[in-house]
Amino acid sequence: MAALKNEVKSFIVQALACFDTPSQVSQAVKQEFDVDVTRQQVEQHDPTKRAGSHLALKWQTLFHDTRKRFREETAEIPIANRAFRLRAMNRFVEKAKTMKNIGLAMQILEQAAKETGDIYVNRARKEEAGDEPVIPTRIQVDVVDARKPNAEP
């Protein structure tokens, strides 16, 4: 395993900070610099992994600065914004209704319900001082067979 030039190390650190996998970075280094690096060698440049725990401070700083900038720029991408996605889904539902494609419209509505119900958000509710802890409850749902007339729950 040959020592890497600073230019290659910088490329690796920045790519990892942008959430590229070690395999993707290894391939990108091969294309960009014509240098073969293993996934394990790439992983040594990620300070969030055990293999990169002894990475030089210079590279750790570059990694964390790049990741911070990447996350901030991601917020500027329209599709990363919930309101943008819901407006687009609304347009799609209207289009599906004009096409009389009720199945598609229902799928889009289900997707919108998931979006607004925070199903895709990894966020825990912070308890206010004095609030009781939120305890999930189980709801009993009776299924009615719609094929049988006068079916009772």
N, C-alpha and C. Protein backbone atom coordinates (compact mmCIF):
# COMPACT_ATOMS: atom_id res chain seq x y z
N MET A 1 0.85 -1.16 0.00
CA MET A 1 0.00 0.00 0.00
C MET A 1 0.90 1.23 0.00
N ALA A 2 0.92 1.93 -1.14
CA ALA A 2 1.77 3.10 -1.29
C ALA A 2 1.16 4.30 -0.58
N ALA A 3 2.01 5.22 -0.18
CA ALA A 3 1.53 6.45 0.46
C ALA A 3 0.81 7.29 -0.59
N LEU A 4 -0.27 7.90 -0.18
CA LEU A 4 -1.07 8.70 -1.08
C LEU A 4 -0.64 10.16 -1.03
N LYS A 5 -0.74 10.83 -2.17
CA LYS A 5 -0.44 12.26 -2.21
C LYS A 5 -1.56 13.01 -1.50
N ASN A 6 -1.25 14.22 -1.05
CA ASN A 6 -2.23 15.02 -0.33
C ASN A 6 -3.47 15.31 -1.18
N GLU A 7 -3.28 15.47 -2.46
CA GLU A 7 -4.41 15.73 -3.36
C GLU A 7 -5.39 14.56 -3.35
N VAL A 8 -4.87 13.34 -3.35
CA VAL A 8 -5.70 12.14 -3.33
C VAL A 8 -6.38 12.00 -1.97
N LYS A 9 -5.62 12.24 -0.90
CA LYS A 9 -6.20 12.16 0.44
C LYS A 9 -7.34 13.16 0.61
N SER A 10 -7.13 14.37 0.12
CA SER A 10 -8.15 15.40 0.20
C SER A 10 -9.41 14.96 -0.55
N PHE A 11 -9.24 14.40 -1.72
CA PHE A 11 -10.36 13.91 -2.52
C PHE A 11 -11.13 12.83 -1.75
N ILE A 12 -10.41 11.89 -1.16
CA ILE A 12 -11.02 10.79 -0.41
C ILE A 12 -11.81 11.33 0.78
N VAL A 13 -11.19 12.20 1.56
CA VAL A 13 -11.83 12.74 2.76
C VAL A 13 -13.10 13.50 2.39
N GLN A 14 -13.03 14.32 1.35
CA GLN A 14 -14.20 15.10 0.95
C GLN A 14 -15.32 14.21 0.41
N ALA A 15 -14.96 13.18 -0.33
CA ALA A 15 -15.98 12.26 -0.86
C ALA A 15 -16.67 11.51 0.27
N LEU A 16 -15.89 11.07 1.25
CA LEU A 16 -16.49 10.37 2.40
C LEU A 16 -17.38 11.32 3.20
N ALA A 17 -16.98 12.58 3.31
CA ALA A 17 -17.77 13.56 4.04
C ALA A 17 -19.11 13.79 3.36
N CYS A 18 -19.16 13.57 2.05
CA CYS A 18 -20.41 13.72 1.29
C CYS A 18 -21.19 12.41 1.22
N PHE A 19 -20.90 11.51 2.13
CA PHE A 19 -21.62 10.24 2.32
C PHE A 19 -21.44 9.25 1.17
N ASP A 20 -20.38 9.36 0.40
CA ASP A 20 -20.07 8.32 -0.57
C ASP A 20 -19.54 7.11 0.18
N THR A 21 -19.82 5.93 -0.33
CA THR A 21 -19.34 4.71 0.31
C THR A 21 -17.86 4.50 -0.03
N PRO A 22 -17.15 3.73 0.78
CA PRO A 22 -15.74 3.46 0.45
C PRO A 22 -15.57 2.83 -0.93
N SER A 23 -16.50 1.99 -1.35
CA SER A 23 -16.42 1.40 -2.69
C SER A 23 -16.54 2.46 -3.77
N GLN A 24 -17.50 3.38 -3.61
CA GLN A 24 -17.68 4.45 -4.58
C GLN A 24 -16.43 5.34 -4.63
N VAL A 25 -15.88 5.65 -3.48
CA VAL A 25 -14.70 6.51 -3.43
C VAL A 25 -13.51 5.81 -4.07
N SER A 26 -13.34 4.53 -3.81
CA SER A 26 -12.25 3.76 -4.39
C SER A 26 -12.31 3.80 -5.92
N GLN A 27 -13.51 3.63 -6.46
CA GLN A 27 -13.69 3.68 -7.92
C GLN A 27 -13.43 5.08 -8.45
N ALA A 28 -13.91 6.09 -7.72
CA ALA A 28 -13.71 7.48 -8.16
C ALA A 28 -12.23 7.85 -8.17
N VAL A 29 -11.48 7.38 -7.18
CA VAL A 29 -10.04 7.66 -7.13
C VAL A 29 -9.34 7.01 -8.32
N LYS A 30 -9.76 5.81 -8.67
CA LYS A 30 -9.18 5.11 -9.82
C LYS A 30 -9.43 5.90 -11.10
N GLN A 31 -10.67 6.41 -11.25
CA GLN A 31 -11.00 7.17 -12.46
C GLN A 31 -10.30 8.54 -12.49
N GLU A 32 -10.29 9.21 -11.35
CA GLU A 32 -9.79 10.58 -11.29
C GLU A 32 -8.26 10.65 -11.32
N PHE A 33 -7.61 9.76 -10.55
CA PHE A 33 -6.16 9.86 -10.37
C PHE A 33 -5.39 8.66 -10.92
N ASP A 34 -6.13 7.65 -11.39
CA ASP A 34 -5.51 6.41 -11.88
C ASP A 34 -4.64 5.77 -10.80
N VAL A 35 -5.17 5.78 -9.57
CA VAL A 35 -4.49 5.17 -8.43
C VAL A 35 -5.42 4.13 -7.83
N ASP A 36 -4.91 2.94 -7.59
CA ASP A 36 -5.71 1.89 -6.97
C ASP A 36 -5.62 2.00 -5.45
N VAL A 37 -6.79 2.14 -4.82
CA VAL A 37 -6.87 2.13 -3.37
C VAL A 37 -7.96 1.15 -2.97
N THR A 38 -7.75 0.45 -1.89
CA THR A 38 -8.74 -0.51 -1.42
C THR A 38 -9.82 0.20 -0.61
N ARG A 39 -10.94 -0.47 -0.43
CA ARG A 39 -12.01 0.08 0.40
C ARG A 39 -11.51 0.31 1.82
N GLN A 40 -10.68 -0.61 2.31
CA GLN A 40 -10.16 -0.50 3.66
C GLN A 40 -9.25 0.73 3.80
N GLN A 41 -8.45 0.98 2.78
CA GLN A 41 -7.57 2.14 2.80
C GLN A 41 -8.39 3.43 2.77
N VAL A 42 -9.47 3.44 2.01
CA VAL A 42 -10.36 4.60 1.94
C VAL A 42 -11.00 4.82 3.31
N GLU A 43 -11.46 3.75 3.94
CA GLU A 43 -12.16 3.86 5.22
C GLU A 43 -11.26 4.45 6.31
N GLN A 44 -9.96 4.33 6.16
CA GLN A 44 -9.04 4.90 7.14
C GLN A 44 -9.05 6.43 7.11
N HIS A 45 -9.72 7.01 6.12
CA HIS A 45 -9.80 8.47 6.01
C HIS A 45 -11.15 9.00 6.48
N ASP A 46 -11.93 8.17 7.15
CA ASP A 46 -13.23 8.58 7.69
C ASP A 46 -13.14 8.61 9.21
N PRO A 47 -13.09 9.81 9.81
CA PRO A 47 -12.92 9.90 11.26
C PRO A 47 -14.14 9.41 12.05
N THR A 48 -15.26 9.16 11.38
CA THR A 48 -16.44 8.64 12.08
C THR A 48 -16.40 7.13 12.20
N LYS A 49 -15.44 6.50 11.57
CA LYS A 49 -15.28 5.04 11.63
C LYS A 49 -14.09 4.69 12.51
N ARG A 50 -14.13 3.49 13.00
CA ARG A 50 -13.04 3.04 13.87
C ARG A 50 -11.70 3.04 13.14
N ALA A 51 -11.72 2.66 11.88
CA ALA A 51 -10.48 2.60 11.10
C ALA A 51 -9.85 3.98 10.95
N GLY A 52 -10.67 5.03 10.99
CA GLY A 52 -10.14 6.38 10.82
C GLY A 52 -10.00 7.15 12.11
N SER A 53 -10.02 6.46 13.24
CA SER A 53 -9.97 7.14 14.53
C SER A 53 -8.63 7.85 14.78
N HIS A 54 -7.59 7.45 14.08
CA HIS A 54 -6.27 8.07 14.28
C HIS A 54 -5.90 8.99 13.12
N LEU A 55 -6.90 9.45 12.38
CA LEU A 55 -6.66 10.33 11.25
C LEU A 55 -6.12 11.67 11.75
N ALA A 56 -5.19 12.24 11.02
CA ALA A 56 -4.57 13.51 11.41
C ALA A 56 -5.62 14.60 11.55
N LEU A 57 -5.37 15.52 12.46
CA LEU A 57 -6.32 16.60 12.77
C LEU A 57 -6.66 17.41 11.52
N LYS A 58 -5.69 17.63 10.66
CA LYS A 58 -5.89 18.37 9.41
C LYS A 58 -7.00 17.73 8.58
N TRP A 59 -6.97 16.40 8.47
CA TRP A 59 -7.97 15.69 7.65
C TRP A 59 -9.30 15.59 8.37
N GLN A 60 -9.28 15.48 9.68
CA GLN A 60 -10.54 15.46 10.44
C GLN A 60 -11.28 16.79 10.29
N THR A 61 -10.52 17.87 10.37
CA THR A 61 -11.12 19.21 10.21
C THR A 61 -11.72 19.36 8.82
N LEU A 62 -10.98 18.93 7.80
CA LEU A 62 -11.49 18.99 6.43
C LEU A 62 -12.77 18.16 6.30
N PHE A 63 -12.77 16.97 6.89
CA PHE A 63 -13.94 16.09 6.83
C PHE A 63 -15.16 16.77 7.45
N HIS A 64 -15.02 17.26 8.67
CA HIS A 64 -16.17 17.84 9.38
C HIS A 64 -16.65 19.14 8.72
N ASP A 65 -15.72 19.96 8.21
CA ASP A 65 -16.11 21.19 7.51
C ASP A 65 -16.87 20.85 6.22
N THR A 66 -16.37 19.87 5.49
CA THR A 66 -17.01 19.47 4.25
C THR A 66 -18.40 18.89 4.51
N ARG A 67 -18.52 18.06 5.53
CA ARG A 67 -19.82 17.46 5.85
C ARG A 67 -20.82 18.54 6.26
N LYS A 68 -20.38 19.50 7.05
CA LYS A 68 -21.27 20.59 7.47
C LYS A 68 -21.76 21.37 6.26
N ARG A 69 -20.84 21.72 5.38
CA ARG A 69 -21.19 22.46 4.17
C ARG A 69 -22.12 21.64 3.27
N PHE A 70 -21.87 20.34 3.17
CA PHE A 70 -22.70 19.45 2.36
C PHE A 70 -24.13 19.42 2.89
N ARG A 71 -24.28 19.29 4.19
CA ARG A 71 -25.63 19.25 4.78
C ARG A 71 -26.35 20.58 4.59
N GLU A 72 -25.66 21.68 4.71
CA GLU A 72 -26.28 23.00 4.52
C GLU A 72 -26.73 23.18 3.07
N GLU A 73 -25.91 22.73 2.13
CA GLU A 73 -26.26 22.86 0.72
C GLU A 73 -27.41 21.93 0.34
N THR A 74 -27.51 20.80 1.02
CA THR A 74 -28.59 19.87 0.74
C THR A 74 -29.94 20.51 1.05
N ALA A 75 -29.98 21.36 2.05
CA ALA A 75 -31.23 22.03 2.42
C ALA A 75 -31.70 22.97 1.32
N GLU A 76 -30.80 23.42 0.46
CA GLU A 76 -31.15 24.32 -0.62
C GLU A 76 -31.72 23.59 -1.83
N ILE A 77 -31.62 22.28 -1.89
CA ILE A 77 -32.14 21.51 -3.02
C ILE A 77 -33.66 21.39 -2.85
N PRO A 78 -34.43 21.82 -3.84
CA PRO A 78 -35.89 21.85 -3.68
C PRO A 78 -36.50 20.51 -3.26
N ILE A 79 -36.08 19.42 -3.85
CA ILE A 79 -36.72 18.14 -3.55
C ILE A 79 -36.45 17.68 -2.12
N ALA A 80 -35.47 18.28 -1.47
CA ALA A 80 -35.21 17.95 -0.08
C ALA A 80 -36.16 18.68 0.86
N ASN A 81 -37.00 19.55 0.31
CA ASN A 81 -37.94 20.33 1.10
C ASN A 81 -39.32 19.68 1.06
N ARG A 82 -39.93 19.45 2.22
CA ARG A 82 -41.22 18.77 2.31
C ARG A 82 -42.31 19.52 1.56
N ALA A 83 -42.36 20.84 1.68
CA ALA A 83 -43.40 21.62 1.01
C ALA A 83 -43.30 21.46 -0.51
N PHE A 84 -42.09 21.44 -1.03
CA PHE A 84 -41.90 21.24 -2.47
C PHE A 84 -42.45 19.89 -2.90
N ARG A 85 -42.13 18.84 -2.13
CA ARG A 85 -42.59 17.49 -2.48
C ARG A 85 -44.11 17.40 -2.42
N LEU A 86 -44.73 18.01 -1.40
CA LEU A 86 -46.18 17.96 -1.27
C LEU A 86 -46.87 18.71 -2.42
N ARG A 87 -46.32 19.85 -2.82
CA ARG A 87 -46.90 20.58 -3.94
C ARG A 87 -46.81 19.75 -5.21
N ALA A 88 -45.68 19.08 -5.43
CA ALA A 88 -45.52 18.24 -6.61
C ALA A 88 -46.52 17.08 -6.56
N MET A 89 -46.68 16.47 -5.38
CA MET A 89 -47.64 15.37 -5.26
C MET A 89 -49.05 15.85 -5.54
N ASN A 90 -49.38 17.05 -5.11
CA ASN A 90 -50.70 17.61 -5.37
C ASN A 90 -50.94 17.74 -6.88
N ARG A 91 -49.93 18.23 -7.60
CA ARG A 91 -50.05 18.34 -9.06
C ARG A 91 -50.23 16.96 -9.69
N PHE A 92 -49.50 15.97 -9.18
CA PHE A 92 -49.60 14.63 -9.74
C PHE A 92 -50.97 14.02 -9.50
N VAL A 93 -51.54 14.26 -8.33
CA VAL A 93 -52.87 13.74 -8.01
C VAL A 93 -53.90 14.37 -8.95
N GLU A 94 -53.79 15.67 -9.15
CA GLU A 94 -54.74 16.35 -10.06
C GLU A 94 -54.61 15.77 -11.47
N LYS A 95 -53.40 15.54 -11.92
CA LYS A 95 -53.17 14.97 -13.25
C LYS A 95 -53.73 13.55 -13.32
N ALA A 96 -53.50 12.76 -12.28
CA ALA A 96 -54.01 11.38 -12.25
C ALA A 96 -55.53 11.37 -12.27
N LYS A 97 -56.16 12.32 -11.58
CA LYS A 97 -57.63 12.38 -11.56
C LYS A 97 -58.17 12.74 -12.94
N THR A 98 -57.51 13.67 -13.65
CA THR A 98 -57.98 14.02 -14.99
C THR A 98 -57.81 12.86 -15.95
N MET A 99 -56.84 12.00 -15.68
CA MET A 99 -56.62 10.81 -16.51
C MET A 99 -57.52 9.65 -16.06
N LYS A 100 -58.31 9.90 -15.02
CA LYS A 100 -59.18 8.87 -14.43
C LYS A 100 -58.39 7.66 -13.94
N ASN A 101 -57.18 7.92 -13.45
CA ASN A 101 -56.33 6.87 -12.90
C ASN A 101 -56.42 6.96 -11.38
N ILE A 102 -57.49 6.42 -10.85
CA ILE A 102 -57.76 6.52 -9.41
C ILE A 102 -56.72 5.75 -8.60
N GLY A 103 -56.27 4.63 -9.11
CA GLY A 103 -55.25 3.84 -8.40
C GLY A 103 -53.98 4.64 -8.17
N LEU A 104 -53.52 5.32 -9.21
CA LEU A 104 -52.31 6.15 -9.08
C LEU A 104 -52.56 7.30 -8.12
N ALA A 105 -53.74 7.92 -8.24
CA ALA A 105 -54.07 9.03 -7.34
C ALA A 105 -54.04 8.56 -5.88
N MET A 106 -54.57 7.38 -5.61
CA MET A 106 -54.58 6.83 -4.25
C MET A 106 -53.16 6.56 -3.75
N GLN A 107 -52.31 6.05 -4.62
CA GLN A 107 -50.91 5.81 -4.22
C GLN A 107 -50.21 7.12 -3.87
N ILE A 108 -50.47 8.16 -4.65
CA ILE A 108 -49.85 9.45 -4.38
C ILE A 108 -50.39 10.03 -3.08
N LEU A 109 -51.69 9.88 -2.85
CA LEU A 109 -52.27 10.37 -1.60
C LEU A 109 -51.69 9.63 -0.40
N GLU A 110 -51.48 8.33 -0.55
CA GLU A 110 -50.86 7.55 0.53
C GLU A 110 -49.44 8.05 0.80
N GLN A 111 -48.71 8.33 -0.29
CA GLN A 111 -47.35 8.85 -0.15
C GLN A 111 -47.36 10.19 0.58
N ALA A 112 -48.32 11.05 0.23
CA ALA A 112 -48.43 12.36 0.87
C ALA A 112 -48.76 12.21 2.35
N ALA A 113 -49.62 11.24 2.68
CA ALA A 113 -49.97 11.00 4.08
C ALA A 113 -48.74 10.55 4.86
N LYS A 114 -47.93 9.72 4.26
CA LYS A 114 -46.70 9.28 4.91
C LYS A 114 -45.76 10.46 5.11
N GLU A 115 -45.69 11.31 4.11
CA GLU A 115 -44.82 12.48 4.17
C GLU A 115 -45.23 13.42 5.30
N THR A 116 -46.51 13.69 5.42
CA THR A 116 -46.97 14.61 6.45
C THR A 116 -47.02 13.95 7.82
N GLY A 117 -47.06 12.64 7.86
CA GLY A 117 -47.09 11.93 9.13
C GLY A 117 -45.71 11.64 9.68
N ASP A 118 -44.69 12.25 9.08
CA ASP A 118 -43.30 12.10 9.53
C ASP A 118 -42.81 10.67 9.53
N ILE A 119 -43.32 9.85 8.61
CA ILE A 119 -42.84 8.46 8.54
C ILE A 119 -41.40 8.41 8.06
N TYR A 120 -40.96 9.44 7.30
CA TYR A 120 -39.61 9.44 6.76
C TYR A 120 -38.65 10.28 7.59
N VAL A 121 -39.10 10.73 8.74
CA VAL A 121 -38.28 11.61 9.57
C VAL A 121 -37.82 10.83 10.80
N ASN A 122 -36.53 10.87 11.06
CA ASN A 122 -35.98 10.22 12.23
C ASN A 122 -35.86 11.29 13.32
N ARG A 123 -37.00 11.59 13.93
CA ARG A 123 -37.04 12.69 14.89
C ARG A 123 -37.84 12.23 16.10
N ALA A 124 -37.26 12.33 17.27
CA ALA A 124 -37.96 11.98 18.50
C ALA A 124 -38.58 13.23 19.09
N ARG A 125 -39.78 13.12 19.66
CA ARG A 125 -40.43 14.26 20.29
C ARG A 125 -39.73 14.56 21.59
N LYS A 126 -39.33 15.80 21.74
CA LYS A 126 -38.66 16.20 22.97
C LYS A 126 -39.72 16.51 24.00
N GLU A 127 -39.59 15.93 25.15
CA GLU A 127 -40.56 16.15 26.22
C GLU A 127 -40.27 17.47 26.91
N GLU A 128 -41.32 18.25 27.08
CA GLU A 128 -41.19 19.50 27.80
C GLU A 128 -41.10 19.18 29.29
N ALA A 129 -40.58 20.12 30.04
CA ALA A 129 -40.48 19.93 31.49
C ALA A 129 -41.88 19.72 32.06
N GLY A 130 -42.08 18.67 32.77
CA GLY A 130 -43.36 18.39 33.41
C GLY A 130 -44.31 17.57 32.54
N ASP A 131 -43.99 17.35 31.24
CA ASP A 131 -44.84 16.54 30.38
C ASP A 131 -44.73 15.08 30.77
N GLU A 132 -45.83 14.40 30.61
CA GLU A 132 -45.82 12.96 30.81
C GLU A 132 -45.15 12.33 29.60
N PRO A 133 -44.43 11.23 29.78
CA PRO A 133 -43.82 10.58 28.63
C PRO A 133 -44.90 10.08 27.67
N VAL A 134 -44.58 10.14 26.37
CA VAL A 134 -45.52 9.68 25.36
C VAL A 134 -45.42 8.16 25.29
N ILE A 135 -46.54 7.50 25.53
CA ILE A 135 -46.57 6.04 25.51
C ILE A 135 -47.44 5.61 24.34
N PRO A 136 -46.89 4.86 23.39
CA PRO A 136 -47.70 4.41 22.27
C PRO A 136 -48.80 3.47 22.74
N THR A 137 -49.95 3.57 22.12
CA THR A 137 -51.06 2.69 22.47
C THR A 137 -51.42 1.83 21.28
N ARG A 138 -51.98 0.70 21.55
CA ARG A 138 -52.39 -0.22 20.49
C ARG A 138 -53.88 -0.01 20.26
N ILE A 139 -54.27 0.06 19.02
CA ILE A 139 -55.66 0.27 18.66
C ILE A 139 -56.18 -1.01 18.03
N GLN A 140 -57.35 -1.45 18.49
CA GLN A 140 -57.98 -2.64 17.92
C GLN A 140 -58.78 -2.23 16.69
N VAL A 141 -58.52 -2.86 15.57
CA VAL A 141 -59.25 -2.57 14.35
C VAL A 141 -59.96 -3.83 13.91
N ASP A 142 -61.29 -3.73 13.74
CA ASP A 142 -62.07 -4.86 13.26
C ASP A 142 -62.15 -4.79 11.75
N VAL A 143 -61.87 -5.91 11.09
CA VAL A 143 -61.89 -5.96 9.64
C VAL A 143 -63.25 -6.49 9.19
N VAL A 144 -63.86 -5.79 8.26
CA VAL A 144 -65.15 -6.19 7.72
C VAL A 144 -64.91 -6.71 6.33
N ASP A 145 -65.48 -7.88 6.03
CA ASP A 145 -65.35 -8.45 4.69
C ASP A 145 -66.38 -7.76 3.80
N ALA A 146 -65.90 -6.92 2.88
CA ALA A 146 -66.80 -6.14 2.04
C ALA A 146 -67.50 -7.00 1.01
N ARG A 147 -67.07 -8.24 0.81
CA ARG A 147 -67.72 -9.11 -0.17
C ARG A 147 -68.99 -9.70 0.36
N LYS A 148 -69.16 -9.77 1.69
CA LYS A 148 -70.36 -10.37 2.29
C LYS A 148 -71.34 -9.25 2.61
N PRO A 149 -72.59 -9.38 2.11
CA PRO A 149 -73.58 -8.34 2.46
C PRO A 149 -73.91 -8.37 3.95
N ASN A 150 -74.10 -7.21 4.50
CA ASN A 150 -74.46 -7.05 5.92
C ASN A 150 -73.44 -7.67 6.87
N ALA A 151 -72.19 -7.62 6.49
CA ALA A 151 -71.14 -8.16 7.37
C ALA A 151 -70.97 -7.24 8.56
N GLU A 152 -70.88 -7.81 9.73
CA GLU A 152 -70.74 -7.04 10.97
C GLU A 152 -69.31 -7.14 11.46
N PRO A 153 -68.82 -6.10 12.08
CA PRO A 153 -67.44 -6.14 12.59
C PRO A 153 -67.29 -7.10 13.74
